[in-house]
Protein backbone atom coordinates (compact mmCIF):
# COMPACT_ATOMS: atom_id res chain seq x y z
CA MET A 1 -10.44 -7.16 14.75
CA THR A 2 -10.22 -4.47 16.81
CA GLY A 3 -11.65 -0.67 16.45
CA THR A 4 -7.91 0.43 16.61
CA ASP A 5 -6.92 -2.18 13.88
CA ARG A 6 -9.89 -1.08 11.40
CA GLN A 7 -8.48 2.36 11.88
CA LEU A 8 -4.90 1.46 11.18
CA ASP A 9 -6.21 -0.36 8.24
CA ARG A 10 -8.43 2.95 6.93
CA ARG A 11 -5.41 5.02 7.87
CA LEU A 12 -2.99 2.87 5.43
CA GLU A 13 -5.54 2.88 2.78
CA GLN A 14 -5.87 6.27 2.86
CA ALA A 15 -2.00 7.08 2.95
CA ILE A 16 -2.05 4.61 -0.17
CA ILE A 17 -4.41 6.57 -2.29
CA GLY A 18 -3.25 10.03 -1.04
CA LEU A 19 0.74 9.29 -2.01
CA LEU A 20 -0.51 8.12 -5.51
CA GLU A 21 -2.75 11.23 -5.83
CA ARG A 22 0.22 13.50 -5.14
CA ARG A 23 2.58 11.71 -7.65
CA ALA A 24 2.36 11.58 -11.50
CA ALA A 25 -0.44 9.31 -12.86
CA THR A 26 2.38 6.77 -13.98
CA SER A 27 4.19 6.82 -10.80
CA SER A 28 4.15 3.71 -8.14
CA ILE A 29 4.82 3.68 -4.71
CA CYS A 30 6.36 0.99 -2.44
CA PRO A 31 4.05 -0.15 0.59
CA SER A 32 6.89 1.09 2.90
CA ASP A 33 5.75 4.60 1.68
CA ALA A 34 2.31 4.19 3.01
CA ALA A 35 4.01 2.35 6.29
CA ARG A 36 6.00 5.19 7.01
CA ALA A 37 3.30 8.08 6.47
CA VAL A 38 1.39 6.29 8.85
CA TYR A 39 3.97 5.56 11.52
CA ASP A 40 4.08 8.09 14.39
CA GLY A 41 7.28 7.29 15.86
CA ASP A 42 10.99 7.81 15.05
CA GLY A 43 13.19 5.20 13.97
CA ALA A 44 12.60 1.94 12.32
CA GLY A 45 9.20 1.22 13.77
CA TRP A 46 7.30 1.75 10.48
CA ARG A 47 8.70 -1.96 9.65
CA ALA A 48 6.29 -3.46 11.78
CA LEU A 49 3.51 -1.83 9.65
CA MET A 50 4.82 -3.35 6.32
CA GLU A 51 2.24 -6.56 6.08
CA PRO A 52 -0.46 -4.05 7.03
CA ALA A 53 0.22 -2.10 4.30
CA ARG A 54 0.47 -4.99 1.84
CA ARG A 55 -2.86 -6.03 3.23
CA ALA A 56 -4.10 -2.44 2.80
CA ALA A 57 -2.82 -2.40 -0.87
CA TRP A 58 -4.62 -5.84 -1.76
CA ARG A 59 -8.13 -4.69 -0.31
CA LEU A 60 -7.29 -1.60 -2.68
CA VAL A 61 -6.90 -3.99 -5.43
CA ALA A 62 -10.28 -5.84 -4.60
CA GLU A 63 -11.89 -2.56 -4.86
CA GLY A 64 -10.13 -1.83 -8.58
CA ARG A 65 -8.71 1.22 -7.30
CA VAL A 66 -5.05 0.20 -7.42
CA GLU A 67 -2.82 -2.52 -9.08
CA VAL A 68 -0.24 -4.15 -7.37
CA THR A 69 3.00 -4.71 -9.39
CA GLN A 70 6.22 -6.66 -9.76
CA GLY A 71 8.60 -5.70 -12.92
CA GLY A 72 6.09 -3.12 -13.92
CA GLU A 73 3.46 -5.88 -14.57
CA PRO A 74 0.37 -6.34 -12.43
CA VAL A 75 0.57 -9.44 -10.10
CA THR A 76 -2.22 -11.07 -8.14
CA GLU A 77 -1.70 -11.82 -4.22
CA ALA A 78 -1.24 -15.35 -5.18
CA GLU A 79 1.66 -14.33 -7.61
CA ALA A 80 3.37 -11.80 -5.74
CA ARG A 81 6.76 -12.92 -4.47
CA GLY A 82 8.88 -10.28 -2.85
CA PRO A 83 9.12 -6.56 -3.43
CA LEU A 84 5.97 -4.97 -4.42
CA ARG A 85 5.12 -1.81 -6.12
CA ILE A 86 1.57 -0.21 -5.89
CA ARG A 87 0.40 2.40 -8.96
CA ARG A 88 -3.25 3.58 -9.78
CA ALA A 89 -5.20 0.91 -11.53
CA GLY A 90 -5.57 0.83 -15.26
CA TRP A 91 -1.80 2.22 -15.81
């Protein structure tokens, strides 16, 4: 992993936490929200950041800071298939 990769990972983690802090405690976000927040360009280039954003969410799950949900219920990385939501841990 390069320094640039680590910087991107950190920016995505910070974006997830920052977006959740600016929403109601019971709200969730989509990984695309973090990808869009970090992407520096115009257009749909943020889509290339979707997998890194999902990986950032899973790292934050491992730290106990967030939960990843589907259908409003927490899921593990092994269980997750399709669209995900991210929310503060404990909701």
